[in-house]
C-alpha atoms as a PDB file:
ATOM      1  CA  UNK A   1      99.008  61.024 101.842  1.00  0.00           C
ATOM      2  CA  UNK A   2      99.370  59.046  98.338  1.00  0.00           C
ATOM      3  CA  UNK A   3      95.644  58.825  98.040  1.00  0.00           C
ATOM      4  CA  UNK A   4      95.220  62.719  98.396  1.00  0.00           C
ATOM      5  CA  UNK A   5      97.891  63.682  95.938  1.00  0.00           C
ATOM      6  CA  UNK A   6      97.756  61.036  93.252  1.00  0.00           C
ATOM      7  CA  UNK A   7      94.944  58.577  93.560  1.00  0.00           C
ATOM      8  CA  UNK A   8      91.999  61.155  93.998  1.00  0.00           C
ATOM      9  CA  UNK A   9      89.776  61.949  91.183  1.00  0.00           C
ATOM     10  CA  UNK A  10      90.172  65.778  91.942  1.00  0.00           C
ATOM     11  CA  UNK A  11      93.669  65.443  92.108  1.00  0.00           C
ATOM     12  CA  UNK A  12      94.191  63.636  89.060  1.00  0.00           C
ATOM     13  CA  UNK A  13      92.453  66.106  87.064  1.00  0.00           C
ATOM     14  CA  UNK A  14      94.797  68.655  88.748  1.00  0.00           C
ATOM     15  CA  UNK A  15      97.742  66.600  87.438  1.00  0.00           C
ATOM     16  CA  UNK A  16      95.821  66.014  84.098  1.00  0.00           C
ATOM     17  CA  UNK A  17      94.813  69.757  83.634  1.00  0.00           C
ATOM     18  CA  UNK A  18      98.682  71.256  84.026  1.00  0.00           C
ATOM     19  CA  UNK A  19      99.561  69.852  80.214  1.00  0.00           C
ATOM     20  CA  UNK A  20     103.609  70.658  81.286  1.00  0.00           C
ATOM     21  CA  UNK A  21     104.218  67.057  82.050  1.00  0.00           C
ATOM     22  CA  UNK A  22     102.821  63.914  83.090  1.00  0.00           C
ATOM     23  CA  UNK A  23     103.741  63.822  86.709  1.00  0.00           C
ATOM     24  CA  UNK A  24     101.606  60.522  87.371  1.00  0.00           C
ATOM     25  CA  UNK A  25     103.451  58.461  84.776  1.00  0.00           C
ATOM     26  CA  UNK A  26     105.510  56.773  87.584  1.00  0.00           C
ATOM     27  CA  UNK A  27     102.622  55.053  89.407  1.00  0.00           C
ATOM     28  CA  UNK A  28     104.607  52.039  90.537  1.00  0.00           C
ATOM     29  CA  UNK A  29     106.846  54.087  92.736  1.00  0.00           C
ATOM     30  CA  UNK A  30     105.990  54.833  96.843  1.00  0.00           C
ATOM     31  CA  UNK A  31     105.009  58.109  97.543  1.00  0.00           C
ATOM     32  CA  UNK A  32     108.387  59.362  98.764  1.00  0.00           C
ATOM     33  CA  UNK A  33     109.848  57.825  95.898  1.00  0.00           C
ATOM     34  CA  UNK A  34     107.675  59.698  93.712  1.00  0.00           C
ATOM     35  CA  UNK A  35     108.360  62.912  94.880  1.00  0.00           C
ATOM     36  CA  UNK A  36     112.385  62.376  94.803  1.00  0.00           C
ATOM     37  CA  UNK A  37     112.353  61.409  91.731  1.00  0.00           C
ATOM     38  CA  UNK A  38     110.416  64.311  90.339  1.00  0.00           C
ATOM     39  CA  UNK A  39     112.485  66.660  92.424  1.00  0.00           C
ATOM     40  CA  UNK A  40     115.870  65.264  90.910  1.00  0.00           C
ATOM     41  CA  UNK A  41     114.990  64.306  87.329  1.00  0.00           C
ATOM     42  CA  UNK A  42     112.981  67.429  86.324  1.00  0.00           C
ATOM     43  CA  UNK A  43     114.195  71.066  85.426  1.00  0.00           C
ATOM     44  CA  UNK A  44     113.512  73.994  88.059  1.00  0.00           C
ATOM     45  CA  UNK A  45     110.582  75.411  86.457  1.00  0.00           C
ATOM     46  CA  UNK A  46     108.575  71.894  86.207  1.00  0.00           C
ATOM     47  CA  UNK A  47     110.043  71.391  90.181  1.00  0.00           C
ATOM     48  CA  UNK A  48     108.332  74.492  90.742  1.00  0.00           C
ATOM     49  CA  UNK A  49     105.169  73.959  89.443  1.00  0.00           C
ATOM     50  CA  UNK A  50     105.124  70.590  91.029  1.00  0.00           C
ATOM     51  CA  UNK A  51     105.365  71.931  94.294  1.00  0.00           C
ATOM     52  CA  UNK A  52     103.129  74.456  93.826  1.00  0.00           C
ATOM     53  CA  UNK A  53     100.629  72.058  92.525  1.00  0.00           C
ATOM     54  CA  UNK A  54     101.047  69.989  95.937  1.00  0.00           C
ATOM     55  CA  UNK A  55     100.454  73.015  97.927  1.00  0.00           C
ATOM     56  CA  UNK A  56      97.462  73.954  96.075  1.00  0.00           C
ATOM     57  CA  UNK A  57      95.827  70.566  96.277  1.00  0.00           C
ATOM     58  CA  UNK A  58      96.577  70.355 100.109  1.00  0.00           C
ATOM     59  CA  UNK A  59      94.784  73.892 100.536  1.00  0.00           C
ATOM     60  CA  UNK A  60      91.944  73.012  98.463  1.00  0.00           C
ATOM     61  CA  UNK A  61      91.701  69.708 100.584  1.00  0.00           C
ATOM     62  CA  UNK A  62      91.641  71.771 103.798  1.00  0.00           C
ATOM     63  CA  UNK A  63      89.221  74.470 102.218  1.00  0.00           C
ATOM     64  CA  UNK A  64      86.686  71.528 101.694  1.00  0.00           C
ATOM     65  CA  UNK A  65      86.864  70.388 105.182  1.00  0.00           C
ATOM     66  CA  UNK A  66      86.628  73.969 106.552  1.00  0.00           C
ATOM     67  CA  UNK A  67      85.116  75.854 104.391  1.00  0.00           C
ATOM     68  CA  UNK A  68      82.935  73.709 102.833  1.00  0.00           C
ATOM     69  CA  UNK A  69      84.104  74.925  99.355  1.00  0.00           C
ATOM     70  CA  UNK A  70      83.841  72.946  96.242  1.00  0.00           C
ATOM     71  CA  UNK A  71      86.576  73.577  93.256  1.00  0.00           C
ATOM     72  CA  UNK A  72      86.998  71.225  90.021  1.00  0.00           C
ATOM     73  CA  UNK A  73      90.605  69.949  89.153  1.00  0.00           C
ATOM     74  CA  UNK A  74      90.694  72.467  86.168  1.00  0.00           C
ATOM     75  CA  UNK A  75      89.959  75.080  88.910  1.00  0.00           C
ATOM     76  CA  UNK A  76      92.979  74.394  91.029  1.00  0.00           C
ATOM     77  CA  UNK A  77      95.193  73.887  88.130  1.00  0.00           C
ATOM     78  CA  UNK A  78      94.178  77.265  86.830  1.00  0.00           C
ATOM     79  CA  UNK A  79      95.194  78.978  90.250  1.00  0.00           C
ATOM     80  CA  UNK A  80      98.166  77.055  89.997  1.00  0.00           C
ATOM     81  CA  UNK A  81      99.281  78.874  86.740  1.00  0.00           C
ATOM     82  CA  UNK A  82      97.547  81.929  87.896  1.00  0.00           C
ATOM     83  CA  UNK A  83      99.890  82.010  91.166  1.00  0.00           C
ATOM     84  CA  UNK A  84     103.226  81.441  89.332  1.00  0.00           C
ATOM     85  CA  UNK A  85     101.930  84.186  87.124  1.00  0.00           C
ATOM     86  CA  UNK A  86     102.066  86.356  89.708  1.00  0.00           C
ATOM     87  CA  UNK A  87     105.139  85.357  91.407  1.00  0.00           C
ATOM     88  CA  UNK A  88     106.999  85.990  88.177  1.00  0.00           C
ATOM     89  CA  UNK A  89     105.189  89.332  87.682  1.00  0.00           C
ATOM     90  CA  UNK A  90     106.767  90.022  91.564  1.00  0.00           C
ATOM     91  CA  UNK A  91     110.278  88.348  90.769  1.00  0.00           C
ATOM     92  CA  UNK A  92     110.723  90.780  87.691  1.00  0.00           C
ATOM     93  CA  UNK A  93     109.973  93.889  89.670  1.00  0.00           C
ATOM     94  CA  UNK A  94     113.377  93.127  91.393  1.00  0.00           C
ATOM     95  CA  UNK A  95     115.950  94.519  88.677  1.00  0.00           C
ATOM     96  CA  UNK A  96     113.925  97.724  88.479  1.00  0.00           C
ATOM     97  CA  UNK A  97     113.035  98.586  92.075  1.00  0.00           C
ATOM     98  CA  UNK A  98     115.978 101.089  93.704  1.00  0.00           C
ATOM     99  CA  UNK A  99     117.885  99.372  96.651  1.00  0.00           C
ATOM    100  CA  UNK A 100     118.187 102.429  98.175  1.00  0.00           C
ATOM    101  CA  UNK A 101     116.528 103.115 101.642  1.00  0.00           C
ATOM    102  CA  UNK A 102     113.786 105.601  99.631  1.00  0.00           C
ATOM    103  CA  UNK A 103     111.613 107.625 102.088  1.00  0.00           C
ATOM    104  CA  UNK A 104     107.630 108.436 102.085  1.00  0.00           C
ATOM    105  CA  UNK A 105     107.524 111.509  99.537  1.00  0.00           C
ATOM    106  CA  UNK A 106     104.826 114.510 100.256  1.00  0.00           C
ATOM    107  CA  UNK A 107     102.427 114.811  97.799  1.00  0.00           C
ATOM    108  CA  UNK A 108     102.338 118.361  95.877  1.00  0.00           C
ATOM    109  CA  UNK A 109      99.857 121.135  96.623  1.00  0.00           C
ATOM    110  CA  UNK A 110      96.452 120.092  97.744  1.00  0.00           C
ATOM    111  CA  UNK A 111      96.923 116.284  96.741  1.00  0.00           C
ATOM    112  CA  UNK A 112      96.357 113.662  99.420  1.00  0.00           C
ATOM    113  CA  UNK A 113      98.084 110.400  99.453  1.00  0.00           C
ATOM    114  CA  UNK A 114      96.782 107.241 100.598  1.00  0.00           C
ATOM    115  CA  UNK A 115      99.226 104.378 101.168  1.00  0.00           C
ATOM    116  CA  UNK A 116      98.050 100.725 101.781  1.00  0.00           C
ATOM    117  CA  UNK A 117      99.532  97.547 102.563  1.00  0.00           C
ATOM    118  CA  UNK A 118      98.582  94.184 103.820  1.00  0.00           C
ATOM    119  CA  UNK A 119      99.963  91.655 106.271  1.00  0.00           C
ATOM    120  CA  UNK A 120      99.107  87.839 105.441  1.00  0.00           C
ATOM    121  CA  UNK A 121      98.796  84.879 107.607  1.00  0.00           C
ATOM    122  CA  UNK A 122      98.641  81.634 105.195  1.00  0.00           C
ATOM    123  CA  UNK A 123      97.789  78.895 107.576  1.00  0.00           C
ATOM    124  CA  UNK A 124      94.910  80.768 109.003  1.00  0.00           C
ATOM    125  CA  UNK A 125      94.332  82.226 105.762  1.00  0.00           C
ATOM    126  CA  UNK A 126      93.883  85.835 107.485  1.00  0.00           C
ATOM    127  CA  UNK A 127      94.724  89.194 106.261  1.00  0.00           C
ATOM    128  CA  UNK A 128      94.853  92.686 107.521  1.00  0.00           C
ATOM    129  CA  UNK A 129      94.675  95.732 105.428  1.00  0.00           C
ATOM    130  CA  UNK A 130      96.595  98.817 106.619  1.00  0.00           C
ATOM    131  CA  UNK A 131      95.851 102.318 105.463  1.00  0.00           C
ATOM    132  CA  UNK A 132      97.123 105.876 106.044  1.00  0.00           C
ATOM    133  CA  UNK A 133      95.914 108.984 104.598  1.00  0.00           C
ATOM    134  CA  UNK A 134      98.395 112.184 104.563  1.00  0.00           C
ATOM    135  CA  UNK A 135      98.288 115.782 103.130  1.00  0.00           C
ATOM    136  CA  UNK A 136     101.139 117.436 101.553  1.00  0.00           C
ATOM    137  CA  UNK A 137     102.453 118.715 105.186  1.00  0.00           C
ATOM    138  CA  UNK A 138     102.658 114.981 105.918  1.00  0.00           C
ATOM    139  CA  UNK A 139     100.139 115.241 108.672  1.00  0.00           C
ATOM    140  CA  UNK A 140      97.949 112.009 109.151  1.00  0.00           C
ATOM    141  CA  UNK A 141      94.169 112.785 107.849  1.00  0.00           C
ATOM    142  CA  UNK A 142      93.297 109.073 108.591  1.00  0.00           C
ATOM    143  CA  UNK A 143      94.826 105.778 109.978  1.00  0.00           C
ATOM    144  CA  UNK A 144      92.466 102.572 109.824  1.00  0.00           C
ATOM    145  CA  UNK A 145      92.966  98.901 109.313  1.00  0.00           C
ATOM    146  CA  UNK A 146      90.348  96.052 108.459  1.00  0.00           C
ATOM    147  CA  UNK A 147      90.997  92.366 109.058  1.00  0.00           C
ATOM    148  CA  UNK A 148      90.050  89.796 106.444  1.00  0.00           C
ATOM    149  CA  UNK A 149      89.209  86.004 107.110  1.00  0.00           C
ATOM    150  CA  UNK A 150      89.233  83.047 104.087  1.00  0.00           C
ATOM    151  CA  UNK A 151      91.924  85.037 102.090  1.00  0.00           C
ATOM    152  CA  UNK A 152      93.359  82.528  99.500  1.00  0.00           C
ATOM    153  CA  UNK A 153      96.719  84.160  99.045  1.00  0.00           C
ATOM    154  CA  UNK A 154      99.389  87.164  99.647  1.00  0.00           C
ATOM    155  CA  UNK A 155      98.239  88.598  96.396  1.00  0.00           C
ATOM    156  CA  UNK A 156      94.365  88.593  97.015  1.00  0.00           C
ATOM    157  CA  UNK A 157      95.278  90.286 100.579  1.00  0.00           C
ATOM    158  CA  UNK A 158      97.066  92.839  98.741  1.00  0.00           C
ATOM    159  CA  UNK A 159      94.217  93.691  96.328  1.00  0.00           C
ATOM    160  CA  UNK A 160      91.809  93.592  99.427  1.00  0.00           C
ATOM    161  CA  UNK A 161      94.114  96.458 100.970  1.00  0.00           C
ATOM    162  CA  UNK A 162      93.933  98.379  97.771  1.00  0.00           C
ATOM    163  CA  UNK A 163      90.377  98.201  97.185  1.00  0.00           C
ATOM    164  CA  UNK A 164      89.730  99.552 100.724  1.00  0.00           C
ATOM    165  CA  UNK A 165      91.958 102.321  99.961  1.00  0.00           C
ATOM    166  CA  UNK A 166      89.992 103.371  96.683  1.00  0.00           C
ATOM    167  CA  UNK A 167      86.879 103.268  99.028  1.00  0.00           C
ATOM    168  CA  UNK A 168      88.440 105.677 101.471  1.00  0.00           C
ATOM    169  CA  UNK A 169      89.418 107.658  98.377  1.00  0.00           C
ATOM    170  CA  UNK A 170      85.717 107.992  97.036  1.00  0.00           C
ATOM    171  CA  UNK A 171      84.752 109.583 100.314  1.00  0.00           C
ATOM    172  CA  UNK A 172      86.984 112.157 100.341  1.00  0.00           C
ATOM    173  CA  UNK A 173      86.585 115.606  98.790  1.00  0.00           C
ATOM    174  CA  UNK A 174      90.081 116.452  98.103  1.00  0.00           C
ATOM    175  CA  UNK A 175      90.745 117.549  94.418  1.00  0.00           C
ATOM    176  CA  UNK A 176      93.511 114.987  93.820  1.00  0.00           C
ATOM    177  CA  UNK A 177      94.374 111.619  95.432  1.00  0.00           C
ATOM    178  CA  UNK A 178      97.163 109.364  94.766  1.00  0.00           C
ATOM    179  CA  UNK A 179      96.678 105.822  96.136  1.00  0.00           C
ATOM    180  CA  UNK A 180     100.003 104.380  96.607  1.00  0.00           C
ATOM    181  CA  UNK A 181     101.268 100.552  97.193  1.00  0.00           C
ATOM    182  CA  UNK A 182     104.140  98.645  97.356  1.00  0.00           C
ATOM    183  CA  UNK A 183     102.933  95.560  95.162  1.00  0.00           C
ATOM    184  CA  UNK A 184     103.927  96.695  91.572  1.00  0.00           C
ATOM    185  CA  UNK A 185     101.781  93.574  89.853  1.00  0.00           C
ATOM    186  CA  UNK A 186      98.514  95.135  91.916  1.00  0.00           C
ATOM    187  CA  UNK A 187      99.240  98.635  90.897  1.00  0.00           C
ATOM    188  CA  UNK A 188      99.666  97.731  87.299  1.00  0.00           C
ATOM    189  CA  UNK A 189      96.549  95.581  87.384  1.00  0.00           C
ATOM    190  CA  UNK A 190      94.677  98.475  88.915  1.00  0.00           C
ATOM    191  CA  UNK A 191      95.957 100.716  85.947  1.00  0.00           C
ATOM    192  CA  UNK A 192      95.467  98.798  83.308  1.00  0.00           C
ATOM    193  CA  UNK A 193      92.532  98.569  80.985  1.00  0.00           C
ATOM    194  CA  UNK A 194      90.340  95.380  79.915  1.00  0.00           C
ATOM    195  CA  UNK A 195      89.353  92.531  81.961  1.00  0.00           C
ATOM    196  CA  UNK A 196      91.917  90.776  84.668  1.00  0.00           C
ATOM    197  CA  UNK A 197      92.051  87.005  84.466  1.00  0.00           C
ATOM    198  CA  UNK A 198      94.411  86.254  87.288  1.00  0.00           C
ATOM    199  CA  UNK A 199      93.171  84.706  90.638  1.00  0.00           C
ATOM    200  CA  UNK A 200      92.871  88.497  92.127  1.00  0.00           C
ATOM    201  CA  UNK A 201      90.804  89.268  88.866  1.00  0.00           C
ATOM    202  CA  UNK A 202      87.210  90.031  90.892  1.00  0.00           C
ATOM    203  CA  UNK A 203      89.203  92.285  93.293  1.00  0.00           C
ATOM    204  CA  UNK A 204      90.681  94.290  90.676  1.00  0.00           C
ATOM    205  CA  UNK A 205      87.316  94.672  88.815  1.00  0.00           C
ATOM    206  CA  UNK A 206      85.992  95.962  92.160  1.00  0.00           C
ATOM    207  CA  UNK A 207      88.621  98.651  92.066  1.00  0.00           C
ATOM    208  CA  UNK A 208      88.460  99.619  88.811  1.00  0.00           C
ATOM    209  CA  UNK A 209      84.786 100.067  88.978  1.00  0.00           C
ATOM    210  CA  UNK A 210      85.290 102.193  92.198  1.00  0.00           C
ATOM    211  CA  UNK A 211      88.239 104.453  90.092  1.00  0.00           C
ATOM    212  CA  UNK A 212      85.769 104.858  87.144  1.00  0.00           C
ATOM    213  CA  UNK A 213      83.307 106.925  89.334  1.00  0.00           C
ATOM    214  CA  UNK A 214      86.263 109.639  89.939  1.00  0.00           C
ATOM    215  CA  UNK A 215      88.819 111.385  88.041  1.00  0.00           C
ATOM    216  CA  UNK A 216      90.441 112.547  90.532  1.00  0.00           C
ATOM    217  CA  UNK A 217      92.019 109.379  91.912  1.00  0.00           C
ATOM    218  CA  UNK A 218      95.182 107.377  90.588  1.00  0.00           C
ATOM    219  CA  UNK A 219      97.347 104.799  91.284  1.00  0.00           C
ATOM    220  CA  UNK A 220     100.870 104.858  91.907  1.00  0.00           C
ATOM    221  CA  UNK A 221     103.857 102.537  92.803  1.00  0.00           C
ATOM    222  CA  UNK A 222     106.137 103.087  95.548  1.00  0.00           C
ATOM    223  CA  UNK A 223     108.898 101.053  97.411  1.00  0.00           C
ATOM    224  CA  UNK A 224     108.846  99.072 100.576  1.00  0.00           C
ATOM    225  CA  UNK A 225     111.050 101.386 102.224  1.00  0.00           C
ATOM    226  CA  UNK A 226     108.588 104.094 101.698  1.00  0.00           C
ATOM    227  CA  UNK A 227     105.509 102.315 102.587  1.00  0.00           C
ATOM    228  CA  UNK A 228     106.526 101.470 106.335  1.00  0.00           C
ATOM    229  CA  UNK A 229     103.638 103.416 107.992  1.00  0.00           C
ATOM    230  CA  UNK A 230     101.005 101.532 106.144  1.00  0.00           C
ATOM    231  CA  UNK A 231     103.010  98.053 106.492  1.00  0.00           C
ATOM    232  CA  UNK A 232     103.398  98.568 110.022  1.00  0.00           C
ATOM    233  CA  UNK A 233      99.371  99.121 110.666  1.00  0.00           C
ATOM    234  CA  UNK A 234      98.924  96.036 108.635  1.00  0.00           C
ATOM    235  CA  UNK A 235     101.367  93.615 110.487  1.00  0.00           C
ATOM    236  CA  UNK A 236     100.556  94.682 114.143  1.00  0.00           C
ATOM    237  CA  UNK A 237      96.828  94.839 113.412  1.00  0.00           C
ATOM    238  CA  UNK A 238      97.175  91.036 112.220  1.00  0.00           C
ATOM    239  CA  UNK A 239      99.465  90.128 115.048  1.00  0.00           C
ATOM    240  CA  UNK A 240      97.098  91.671 117.685  1.00  0.00           C
ATOM    241  CA  UNK A 241      94.008  90.681 115.782  1.00  0.00           C
ATOM    242  CA  UNK A 242      92.714  94.112 116.505  1.00  0.00           C
ATOM    243  CA  UNK A 243      90.907  96.717 113.813  1.00  0.00           C
ATOM    244  CA  UNK A 244      91.629 100.175 114.365  1.00  0.00           C
ATOM    245  CA  UNK A 245      90.264 103.423 112.974  1.00  0.00           C
ATOM    246  CA  UNK A 246      91.986 107.032 114.140  1.00  0.00           C
ATOM    247  CA  UNK A 247      91.257 110.484 112.557  1.00  0.00           C
ATOM    248  CA  UNK A 248      94.403 113.109 112.422  1.00  0.00           C
ATOM    249  CA  UNK A 249      96.537 110.265 114.250  1.00  0.00           C
ATOM    250  CA  UNK A 250      98.003 106.791 114.401  1.00  0.00           C
ATOM    251  CA  UNK A 251      98.603 104.070 117.045  1.00  0.00           C
ATOM    252  CA  UNK A 252     101.086 104.140 119.674  1.00  0.00           C
ATOM    253  CA  UNK A 253     103.016 101.186 117.980  1.00  0.00           C
ATOM    254  CA  UNK A 254     103.161 102.999 114.847  1.00  0.00           C
ATOM    255  CA  UNK A 255     104.296 106.354 115.961  1.00  0.00           C
ATOM    256  CA  UNK A 256     108.037 105.851 114.886  1.00  0.00           C
ATOM    257  CA  UNK A 257     106.991 105.798 111.171  1.00  0.00           C
ATOM    258  CA  UNK A 258     105.019 109.071 111.495  1.00  0.00           C
ATOM    259  CA  UNK A 259     107.378 111.808 110.361  1.00  0.00           C
ATOM    260  CA  UNK A 260     106.168 114.768 108.640  1.00  0.00           C
END
């Protein structure tokens, strides 16, 4: 354990690339003492950075063994900073997201609304995307789920679900399409101009490229309470390890969320 987190060349490169503080300066301490010293002596923000780095090193070690991947210490450090930025972005939304039990809102006129959500299993690095398409009357036109493997984070899982929703939108003939999700961070990235350099930048680029093919598609944020059907589809799909695709209907397990 001590070798993995402190003596391994890759781990040393990770700690050296963080630049916030020299976490390896207490070289004479046993591993458990080192952990305790950092968590007791450092301020909360550095403790968070420290714990996230331990998690990233451990995850990289597992990926090297099981997935045969090979990331440098600097790449892992960049992942840590990017991940914490994403977390900060999500935390900052809590002050502006209403605590009311918001319900799903019907789109107007001929507009179609596509809701997406994800479920994520960090241990297995698997995720499921839940997608539901409804018209202005609230009728389901399409519901489907996809299961993804080797997904690095919950943020990546959310972006994968959004990309799936965007692909579906491009195959539809409706005049206006709203793609709606409850991850404000992902929605903001999809609407932003320019290159996204976060850990989900590749997915955001794909989404933006897809959207550029049609002026009919736009992205909107919705609270989690208004995204229950897509969330249920994703959660149950991952739990059952089953993908599904249904036209003008939803699975039995999601019927309680289907109201129009």
